């Protein structure tokens, strides 16, 4: 990770960590970098945070000042920016979002012309420019100054693309959608309505400060209640920028990214559509997933946490399906990044084609109890490498043996260290997580 850019772009509290000056400079650099031999074209999307408009205008000012034309998708999802960038020959795309973070955070995620996350070496050059190490870049003058273009049509084409992926009508299906008061509110219900579903959409009233607030994929309880009370067939929850999806079965039980990978992976394998019969997971995936995969003849790879690393592995090995427990799921035939709405459509395909409920499709996976605790710290690397912390982790690992595991890692998007324990009971998970957390506190590393 760089000084400013983490695993998911440049992210932090608006005007505290990520400022309008930063956004202006990012725009200035990208407009210059991509416009050295032609008129650069950059497409921009944003989520519903109050600060997203501020950053949009700052980015546009920087881009046009460097001579690039900025195409505005307005409020839209991260995967839609990726789709439009790669299918409509843009030099790059920018998504303004802090994903699942609270409203006062925001982020700038840059997507290259192929729809992938921007190369680390280019991010490093942006950081040098922000810090004044590259000197000043030339300003465009006269007719070379860029312009802005209203490009809502690009978002509409993405909606049409999603609708085209459905294999059959959703008629008579009762579907709940939690749009997290975020980007999905302007897209998801339109897609499901067009496909004939009886759609129950909640948290579709963004006001700038309620994105992810007790709703969406990180707060699944409201969707569980909606599914149970309305006797729905299934529910899907998205995060703020809709690149994640967590499902709820007809009984109100949570179906996370691990279970989604299993359901879709097994289905694709049965239909000879899963390349090398392999799914790509991260080190956070549950032991229960791997045991179920072994029984089903599904192979699996493990990467570092982050859909960026999942996708890199998929591209390198030409795999069809990969993702994270958090709900970032990538279907390489259809997308180059996690796409929550696309993921929910693929789950609908499995349910309809196999004529089975979601609870039936997931019953073969017995998930191990798992507890994840975030500890806010001053220095993530220093905390993880502290000798006392390392000793505490080793002690827990030895106690768990083959009946569980512990994982301590640095967050790529927040100033926290994440402690995750899987064990045979919730009580053991809590005991071992707290054991390590207490050492971090005792060492004076927590804030």
Protein backbone atom coordinates (compact mmCIF):
# COMPACT_ATOMS: atom_id res chain seq x y z
CA UNK A 1 0.00 0.00 0.00
CA UNK A 2 1.09 3.54 -0.71
CA UNK A 3 1.03 6.67 1.44
CA UNK A 4 -2.48 7.64 0.33
CA UNK A 5 -3.81 4.76 -1.78
CA UNK A 6 -4.74 1.58 0.06
CA UNK A 7 -6.22 -1.65 -1.26
CA UNK A 8 -9.39 0.17 -2.30
CA UNK A 9 -8.27 3.62 -3.40
CA UNK A 10 -7.60 6.83 -1.47
CA UNK A 11 -9.97 6.71 1.50
CA UNK A 12 -10.51 8.58 4.75
CA UNK A 13 -12.62 11.14 6.57
CA UNK A 14 -13.72 13.86 4.17
CA UNK A 15 -11.67 17.06 4.50
CA UNK A 16 -9.68 15.48 7.32
CA UNK A 17 -7.73 12.67 5.63
CA UNK A 18 -9.03 13.08 2.08
CA UNK A 19 -9.43 16.77 1.18
CA UNK A 20 -10.73 18.70 -1.82
CA UNK A 21 -7.14 19.69 -2.56
CA UNK A 22 -6.24 16.00 -2.82
CA UNK A 23 -9.16 15.42 -5.19
CA UNK A 24 -8.18 18.39 -7.35
CA UNK A 25 -4.62 17.07 -7.63
CA UNK A 26 -5.80 13.57 -8.47
CA UNK A 27 -7.85 15.07 -11.27
CA UNK A 28 -4.98 17.25 -12.43
CA UNK A 29 -2.61 14.27 -12.62
CA UNK A 30 -5.05 11.91 -14.36
CA UNK A 31 -6.03 14.54 -16.92
CA UNK A 32 -2.37 15.16 -17.72
CA UNK A 33 -1.26 11.51 -17.56
CA UNK A 34 -3.90 10.19 -19.95
CA UNK A 35 -3.92 13.28 -22.16
CA UNK A 36 -0.32 13.48 -23.30
CA UNK A 37 -1.05 12.30 -26.84
CA UNK A 38 -4.83 12.80 -27.15
CA UNK A 39 -7.83 14.44 -25.50
CA UNK A 40 -8.35 12.32 -22.40
CA UNK A 41 -11.86 11.04 -21.58
CA UNK A 42 -12.61 10.21 -17.95
CA UNK A 43 -15.94 8.95 -16.59
CA UNK A 44 -16.97 9.70 -13.00
CA UNK A 45 -19.55 8.13 -10.68
CA UNK A 46 -20.38 8.83 -7.05
CA UNK A 47 -22.37 7.43 -4.15
CA UNK A 48 -24.89 9.30 -2.00
CA UNK A 49 -22.59 10.79 0.66
CA UNK A 50 -22.90 14.52 1.22
CA UNK A 51 -19.20 15.00 0.43
CA UNK A 52 -19.40 13.09 -2.86
CA UNK A 53 -20.62 16.19 -4.69
CA UNK A 54 -17.75 18.25 -3.29
CA UNK A 55 -15.19 15.71 -4.44
CA UNK A 56 -16.88 15.33 -7.82
CA UNK A 57 -16.54 19.05 -8.51
CA UNK A 58 -12.92 19.10 -7.31
CA UNK A 59 -12.01 16.16 -9.54
CA UNK A 60 -13.77 17.74 -12.52
CA UNK A 61 -11.92 21.01 -11.93
CA UNK A 62 -8.59 19.17 -11.90
CA UNK A 63 -9.38 17.05 -14.95
CA UNK A 64 -10.63 19.89 -17.12
CA UNK A 65 -7.78 22.15 -16.01
CA UNK A 66 -5.40 19.52 -17.39
CA UNK A 67 -7.37 19.32 -20.64
CA UNK A 68 -9.45 16.18 -20.08
CA UNK A 69 -13.17 15.85 -20.71
CA UNK A 70 -15.13 14.61 -17.67
CA UNK A 71 -18.25 12.47 -18.22
CA UNK A 72 -20.62 12.42 -15.23
CA UNK A 73 -22.65 9.29 -14.44
CA UNK A 74 -23.96 11.00 -11.26
CA UNK A 75 -25.08 8.67 -8.44
CA UNK A 76 -24.24 5.15 -9.54
CA UNK A 77 -22.46 1.98 -8.44
CA UNK A 78 -18.75 1.19 -8.53
CA UNK A 79 -19.26 -1.78 -10.91
CA UNK A 80 -21.22 0.45 -13.30
CA UNK A 81 -18.23 2.80 -13.54
CA UNK A 82 -16.00 -0.19 -14.27
CA UNK A 83 -18.45 -1.45 -16.93
CA UNK A 84 -18.82 1.90 -18.68
CA UNK A 85 -15.07 2.55 -18.59
CA UNK A 86 -14.13 -0.73 -20.28
CA UNK A 87 -17.02 -0.94 -22.75
CA UNK A 88 -17.07 2.67 -23.93
CA UNK A 89 -13.33 3.25 -24.41
CA UNK A 90 -12.66 5.71 -21.60
CA UNK A 91 -9.06 6.30 -20.57
CA UNK A 92 -10.02 5.71 -16.96
CA UNK A 93 -12.94 5.87 -14.57
CA UNK A 94 -13.26 7.37 -11.10
CA UNK A 95 -15.66 6.26 -8.38
CA UNK A 96 -16.22 8.58 -5.42
CA UNK A 97 -17.17 6.34 -2.50
CA UNK A 98 -16.01 4.90 0.81
CA UNK A 99 -18.01 1.73 0.19
CA UNK A 100 -19.31 0.36 3.53
CA UNK A 101 -17.74 3.10 5.68
CA UNK A 102 -19.88 5.72 7.51
CA UNK A 103 -21.08 8.81 5.64
CA UNK A 104 -18.36 11.15 6.91
CA UNK A 105 -15.68 9.05 5.18
CA UNK A 106 -15.19 9.13 1.45
CA UNK A 107 -12.79 7.80 -1.13
CA UNK A 108 -11.46 8.09 -4.65
CA UNK A 109 -11.12 4.81 -6.53
CA UNK A 110 -9.49 5.01 -9.96
CA UNK A 111 -10.26 2.36 -12.57
CA UNK A 112 -8.06 1.85 -15.63
CA UNK A 113 -9.28 1.56 -19.22
CA UNK A 114 -9.75 -2.20 -18.88
CA UNK A 115 -12.12 -1.79 -15.95
CA UNK A 116 -9.54 -2.95 -13.39
CA UNK A 117 -8.30 -1.08 -10.35
CA UNK A 118 -5.53 1.34 -11.25
CA UNK A 119 -1.98 0.00 -11.42
CA UNK A 120 0.07 0.53 -8.24
CA UNK A 121 2.84 2.28 -10.16
CA UNK A 122 0.42 4.93 -11.44
CA UNK A 123 -0.99 5.41 -7.94
CA UNK A 124 2.59 5.94 -6.76
CA UNK A 125 3.05 8.70 -9.35
CA UNK A 126 -0.17 10.37 -8.20
CA UNK A 127 1.15 10.33 -4.64
CA UNK A 128 4.40 11.96 -5.77
CA UNK A 129 2.43 14.72 -7.47
CA UNK A 130 0.26 15.26 -4.39
CA UNK A 131 3.42 15.63 -2.29
CA UNK A 132 5.01 18.07 -4.76
CA UNK A 133 7.74 15.69 -5.90
CA UNK A 134 6.89 15.99 -9.61
CA UNK A 135 6.70 19.75 -9.78
CA UNK A 136 3.76 21.57 -11.36
CA UNK A 137 1.90 20.13 -14.31
CA UNK A 138 0.99 22.32 -17.31
CA UNK A 139 -2.48 23.87 -17.38
CA UNK A 140 -4.59 23.51 -20.50
CA UNK A 141 -5.32 26.82 -22.21
CA UNK A 142 -7.87 28.21 -24.68
CA UNK A 143 -9.68 25.46 -26.61
CA UNK A 144 -7.52 22.78 -24.93
CA UNK A 145 -9.37 23.24 -21.63
CA UNK A 146 -11.63 20.25 -20.99
CA UNK A 147 -15.40 20.21 -20.61
CA UNK A 148 -17.99 18.25 -18.62
CA UNK A 149 -20.57 15.97 -20.21
CA UNK A 150 -23.78 14.71 -18.60
CA UNK A 151 -23.48 10.96 -19.10
CA UNK A 152 -26.49 9.48 -17.30
CA UNK A 153 -27.01 7.44 -20.48
CA UNK A 154 -23.99 5.35 -19.52
CA UNK A 155 -25.67 4.31 -16.28
CA UNK A 156 -28.82 3.40 -18.20
CA UNK A 157 -26.81 1.18 -20.54
CA UNK A 158 -25.39 -0.61 -17.50
CA UNK A 159 -28.94 -1.22 -16.22
CA UNK A 160 -29.81 -2.69 -19.60
CA UNK A 161 -26.75 -4.93 -19.42
CA UNK A 162 -27.79 -6.31 -16.03
CA UNK A 163 -31.30 -7.05 -17.28
CA UNK A 164 -29.86 -8.87 -20.30
CA UNK A 165 -27.99 -11.32 -18.05
CA UNK A 166 -31.11 -12.91 -16.56
CA UNK A 167 -31.83 -16.37 -17.96
CA UNK A 168 -35.55 -16.26 -17.23
CA UNK A 169 -38.33 -14.08 -15.85
CA UNK A 170 -38.55 -13.40 -12.11
CA UNK A 171 -42.34 -13.47 -12.27
CA UNK A 172 -43.95 -14.75 -9.05
CA UNK A 173 -40.67 -14.32 -7.14
CA UNK A 174 -40.92 -12.16 -4.02
CA UNK A 175 -37.58 -10.43 -3.53
CA UNK A 176 -36.35 -8.05 -0.84
CA UNK A 177 -33.63 -5.50 -1.65
CA UNK A 178 -31.75 -3.46 0.95
CA UNK A 179 -30.10 -0.63 -1.00
CA UNK A 180 -28.26 0.79 2.02
CA UNK A 181 -29.37 4.36 1.19
CA UNK A 182 -26.49 4.22 -1.26
CA UNK A 183 -25.70 3.80 -4.94
CA UNK A 184 -28.00 0.81 -5.51
CA UNK A 185 -31.13 2.86 -4.76
CA UNK A 186 -31.20 4.22 -8.32
CA UNK A 187 -30.55 0.89 -10.06
CA UNK A 188 -31.43 -2.33 -8.21
CA UNK A 189 -35.22 -2.02 -7.96
CA UNK A 190 -35.45 -0.94 -11.61
CA UNK A 191 -33.65 -4.12 -12.66
CA UNK A 192 -35.81 -6.45 -10.55
CA UNK A 193 -39.03 -4.71 -11.53
CA UNK A 194 -38.10 -4.99 -15.21
CA UNK A 195 -37.53 -8.74 -14.76
CA UNK A 196 -40.99 -9.22 -13.27
CA UNK A 197 -40.20 -9.70 -9.59
CA UNK A 198 -42.48 -8.54 -6.80
CA UNK A 199 -39.85 -6.24 -5.30
CA UNK A 200 -39.73 -5.05 -1.71
CA UNK A 201 -37.03 -2.36 -1.58
CA UNK A 202 -35.90 -0.82 1.71
CA UNK A 203 -33.42 1.93 2.57
CA UNK A 204 -33.89 3.72 -0.73
CA UNK A 205 -34.13 7.25 0.66
CA UNK A 206 -30.59 8.66 0.79
CA UNK A 207 -30.17 12.07 2.44
CA UNK A 208 -26.40 12.42 2.36
CA UNK A 209 -25.79 11.19 5.89
CA UNK A 210 -27.71 7.90 6.16
CA UNK A 211 -25.67 5.75 3.75
CA UNK A 212 -24.85 2.40 5.47
CA UNK A 213 -26.51 3.67 8.67
CA UNK A 214 -27.87 0.52 10.34
CA UNK A 215 -28.69 -0.91 6.92
CA UNK A 216 -27.21 -2.68 3.92
CA UNK A 217 -24.78 -5.57 3.75
CA UNK A 218 -23.03 -4.67 7.02
CA UNK A 219 -26.33 -4.45 8.99
CA UNK A 220 -28.38 -7.32 7.66
CA UNK A 221 -30.98 -7.41 10.47
CA UNK A 222 -33.48 -5.08 8.77
CA UNK A 223 -33.51 -7.20 5.61
CA UNK A 224 -33.93 -10.37 7.66
CA UNK A 225 -37.02 -8.83 9.29
CA UNK A 226 -38.35 -7.69 5.90
CA UNK A 227 -37.99 -11.19 4.43
CA UNK A 228 -39.64 -12.90 7.38
CA UNK A 229 -42.53 -10.45 7.82
CA UNK A 230 -43.40 -10.34 4.11
CA UNK A 231 -42.78 -14.07 3.53
CA UNK A 232 -40.34 -13.36 0.71
CA UNK A 233 -38.48 -15.96 -1.33
CA UNK A 234 -35.11 -14.26 -0.90
CA UNK A 235 -33.47 -10.98 0.05
CA UNK A 236 -30.30 -9.21 -1.09
CA UNK A 237 -28.42 -6.46 0.72
CA UNK A 238 -25.84 -4.19 -0.93
CA UNK A 239 -23.26 -1.84 0.55
CA UNK A 240 -22.85 1.87 -0.11
CA UNK A 241 -21.37 1.57 -3.60
CA UNK A 242 -23.06 -1.78 -4.38
CA UNK A 243 -19.96 -3.82 -5.10
CA UNK A 244 -20.96 -6.22 -2.29
CA UNK A 245 -23.95 -8.47 -1.85
CA UNK A 246 -25.09 -10.48 1.18
CA UNK A 247 -28.20 -12.64 0.79
CA UNK A 248 -30.95 -13.75 3.16
CA UNK A 249 -32.79 -17.02 2.56
CA UNK A 250 -36.56 -17.47 2.81
CA UNK A 251 -36.27 -18.26 6.53
CA UNK A 252 -34.34 -15.07 7.25
CA UNK A 253 -30.94 -16.76 7.60
CA UNK A 254 -27.85 -14.89 6.40
CA UNK A 255 -26.08 -16.20 3.28
CA UNK A 256 -22.68 -14.51 3.19
CA UNK A 257 -20.01 -14.38 0.50
CA UNK A 258 -18.64 -17.82 1.37
CA UNK A 259 -22.04 -19.43 0.91
CA UNK A 260 -22.63 -17.46 -2.29
CA UNK A 261 -19.32 -18.74 -3.66
CA UNK A 262 -20.33 -22.30 -2.81
CA UNK A 263 -23.82 -22.06 -4.33
CA UNK A 264 -22.64 -20.39 -7.54
CA UNK A 265 -19.45 -22.41 -7.79
CA UNK A 266 -21.24 -25.74 -7.48
CA UNK A 267 -23.89 -24.64 -10.00
CA UNK A 268 -21.32 -23.44 -12.54
CA UNK A 269 -19.33 -26.67 -12.11
CA UNK A 270 -22.46 -28.76 -12.73
CA UNK A 271 -23.00 -26.81 -15.96
CA UNK A 272 -19.34 -27.00 -17.09
CA UNK A 273 -18.97 -23.24 -16.71
CA UNK A 274 -16.45 -23.20 -13.85
CA UNK A 275 -12.98 -23.06 -15.31
CA UNK A 276 -10.70 -25.74 -13.78
CA UNK A 277 -13.51 -26.45 -11.27
CA UNK A 278 -11.88 -23.79 -9.06
CA UNK A 279 -13.14 -20.88 -6.99
CA UNK A 280 -10.85 -18.15 -5.61
CA UNK A 281 -11.28 -17.26 -1.93
CA UNK A 282 -9.37 -15.18 0.62
CA UNK A 283 -7.73 -16.15 3.89
CA UNK A 284 -10.89 -14.90 5.66
CA UNK A 285 -13.11 -17.62 4.16
CA UNK A 286 -14.64 -20.05 6.63
CA UNK A 287 -13.30 -23.56 7.21
CA UNK A 288 -16.82 -24.83 6.61
CA UNK A 289 -16.66 -23.57 3.02
CA UNK A 290 -13.51 -25.55 2.31
CA UNK A 291 -14.90 -28.73 3.84
CA UNK A 292 -18.06 -28.39 1.71
CA UNK A 293 -15.96 -27.72 -1.39
CA UNK A 294 -13.95 -30.87 -0.74
CA UNK A 295 -17.15 -32.91 -0.60
CA UNK A 296 -18.48 -31.32 -3.81
CA UNK A 297 -15.22 -31.73 -5.76
CA UNK A 298 -14.65 -27.98 -5.92
CA UNK A 299 -11.05 -26.81 -5.92
CA UNK A 300 -10.10 -23.51 -4.30
CA UNK A 301 -7.33 -20.94 -4.12
CA UNK A 302 -6.64 -18.59 -1.18
CA UNK A 303 -5.44 -14.99 -1.58
CA UNK A 304 -4.84 -12.00 0.69
CA UNK A 305 -7.97 -10.08 1.72
CA UNK A 306 -9.21 -7.71 -0.97
CA UNK A 307 -11.13 -8.26 -4.20
CA UNK A 308 -8.11 -6.72 -5.95
CA UNK A 309 -6.05 -9.79 -5.01
CA UNK A 310 -8.88 -12.17 -5.81
CA UNK A 311 -9.21 -10.72 -9.30
CA UNK A 312 -5.44 -10.77 -9.91
CA UNK A 313 -5.44 -14.50 -9.12
CA UNK A 314 -8.46 -15.07 -11.35
CA UNK A 315 -6.84 -13.27 -14.29
CA UNK A 316 -3.52 -15.02 -13.84
CA UNK A 317 -5.13 -18.47 -13.78
CA UNK A 318 -8.19 -17.80 -15.97
CA UNK A 319 -10.65 -18.70 -13.22
CA UNK A 320 -14.37 -17.99 -13.54
CA UNK A 321 -15.46 -17.20 -9.99
CA UNK A 322 -13.92 -15.67 -6.91
CA UNK A 323 -14.76 -13.49 -3.97
CA UNK A 324 -14.75 -12.64 -0.31
CA UNK A 325 -16.81 -13.57 2.71
CA UNK A 326 -17.86 -9.89 2.91
CA UNK A 327 -19.80 -10.25 -0.35
CA UNK A 328 -17.38 -9.03 -3.00
CA UNK A 329 -18.06 -11.66 -5.67
CA UNK A 330 -16.49 -11.56 -9.14
CA UNK A 331 -17.88 -13.40 -12.16
CA UNK A 332 -15.08 -12.94 -14.67
CA UNK A 333 -17.30 -13.68 -17.67
CA UNK A 334 -19.46 -10.67 -16.87
CA UNK A 335 -17.37 -8.20 -14.84
CA UNK A 336 -13.88 -7.17 -13.76
CA UNK A 337 -14.80 -6.20 -10.21
CA UNK A 338 -17.18 -7.20 -7.45
CA UNK A 339 -20.77 -6.36 -8.41
CA UNK A 340 -23.50 -6.72 -5.80
CA UNK A 341 -26.49 -6.46 -8.13
CA UNK A 342 -24.91 -8.84 -10.66
CA UNK A 343 -24.19 -11.30 -7.84
CA UNK A 344 -27.82 -11.25 -6.75
CA UNK A 345 -28.92 -11.91 -10.34
CA UNK A 346 -26.58 -14.91 -10.54
CA UNK A 347 -28.06 -16.25 -7.29
CA UNK A 348 -31.54 -15.84 -8.76
CA UNK A 349 -30.42 -17.86 -11.79
CA UNK A 350 -29.30 -20.76 -9.59
CA UNK A 351 -32.54 -20.74 -7.60
CA UNK A 352 -34.74 -20.61 -10.70
CA UNK A 353 -32.81 -23.07 -12.85
CA UNK A 354 -32.46 -25.64 -10.05
CA UNK A 355 -35.97 -24.92 -8.72
CA UNK A 356 -34.63 -24.91 -5.16
CA UNK A 357 -34.89 -22.48 -2.27
CA UNK A 358 -31.78 -20.72 -1.03
CA UNK A 359 -31.92 -22.61 2.27
CA UNK A 360 -31.85 -25.91 0.33
CA UNK A 361 -28.92 -24.75 -1.81
CA UNK A 362 -26.83 -23.85 1.25
CA UNK A 363 -27.74 -26.70 3.62
CA UNK A 364 -24.62 -28.74 2.80
CA UNK A 365 -22.31 -26.06 4.23
CA UNK A 366 -21.80 -26.16 7.98
CA UNK A 367 -20.22 -22.85 8.92
CA UNK A 368 -17.77 -22.75 11.83
CA UNK A 369 -18.50 -20.07 14.44
CA UNK A 370 -16.36 -17.05 13.64
CA UNK A 371 -15.75 -13.77 15.42
CA UNK A 372 -14.08 -10.71 13.95
CA UNK A 373 -13.07 -7.79 16.15
CA UNK A 374 -11.64 -4.50 14.94
CA UNK A 375 -9.15 -2.73 17.21
CA UNK A 376 -8.47 0.91 16.39
CA UNK A 377 -4.73 1.50 16.64
CA UNK A 378 -2.19 4.24 16.09
CA UNK A 379 0.14 2.12 13.93
CA UNK A 380 -1.19 -1.04 12.24
CA UNK A 381 2.19 -2.52 11.28
CA UNK A 382 3.74 -1.81 14.67
CA UNK A 383 0.77 -3.48 16.38
CA UNK A 384 0.84 -6.61 14.25
CA UNK A 385 4.61 -7.03 14.65
CA UNK A 386 4.69 -6.36 18.40
CA UNK A 387 6.43 -9.35 20.08
CA UNK A 388 3.83 -9.66 22.83
CA UNK A 389 0.99 -9.60 20.29
CA UNK A 390 2.76 -12.18 18.12
CA UNK A 391 3.24 -14.43 21.17
CA UNK A 392 -0.46 -14.12 22.07
CA UNK A 393 -1.48 -15.07 18.54
CA UNK A 394 0.85 -18.10 18.52
CA UNK A 395 -0.57 -19.23 21.86
CA UNK A 396 -4.14 -19.12 20.51
CA UNK A 397 -3.13 -20.91 17.30
CA UNK A 398 -1.55 -23.72 19.30
CA UNK A 399 -4.66 -24.06 21.48
CA UNK A 400 -6.96 -24.27 18.45
CA UNK A 401 -4.88 -26.80 16.55
CA UNK A 402 -6.82 -28.30 13.61
CA UNK A 403 -10.21 -27.38 15.10
CA UNK A 404 -10.01 -23.70 14.26
CA UNK A 405 -7.70 -20.84 13.39
CA UNK A 406 -6.75 -17.26 14.25
CA UNK A 407 -5.92 -14.51 11.78
CA UNK A 408 -4.65 -11.04 12.68
CA UNK A 409 -4.26 -8.59 9.84
CA UNK A 410 -4.10 -4.89 9.04
CA UNK A 411 -7.15 -3.30 7.44
CA UNK A 412 -6.46 -1.91 3.99
CA UNK A 413 -9.11 0.80 4.35
CA UNK A 414 -9.26 1.84 8.03
CA UNK A 415 -6.79 2.50 10.90
CA UNK A 416 -7.63 -0.81 12.55
CA UNK A 417 -6.16 -4.25 13.15
CA UNK A 418 -8.65 -7.08 12.60
CA UNK A 419 -8.62 -10.15 14.86
CA UNK A 420 -10.53 -13.13 13.49
CA UNK A 421 -10.99 -16.46 15.28
CA UNK A 422 -12.80 -19.59 14.06
CA UNK A 423 -13.49 -22.29 16.62
CA UNK A 424 -15.96 -25.01 17.55
CA UNK A 425 -18.10 -22.63 19.65
CA UNK A 426 -18.96 -18.94 19.91
CA UNK A 427 -17.64 -18.95 23.46
CA UNK A 428 -14.20 -20.10 22.36
CA UNK A 429 -14.14 -17.52 19.56
CA UNK A 430 -14.88 -14.73 22.01
CA UNK A 431 -12.38 -16.03 24.56
CA UNK A 432 -9.51 -16.17 22.08
CA UNK A 433 -10.29 -12.88 20.33
CA UNK A 434 -10.43 -11.07 23.66
CA UNK A 435 -7.21 -12.75 24.73
CA UNK A 436 -5.32 -11.08 21.86
CA UNK A 437 -7.26 -7.80 22.11
CA UNK A 438 -6.30 -7.48 25.78
CA UNK A 439 -2.61 -7.81 24.92
CA UNK A 440 -2.94 -5.04 22.34
CA UNK A 441 -4.54 -2.84 25.01
CA UNK A 442 -1.90 -3.73 27.61
CA UNK A 443 0.87 -2.83 25.18
CA UNK A 444 -0.59 0.66 24.74
CA UNK A 445 -1.17 0.15 21.03
CA UNK A 446 -4.91 0.82 20.92
CA UNK A 447 -6.42 4.30 20.61
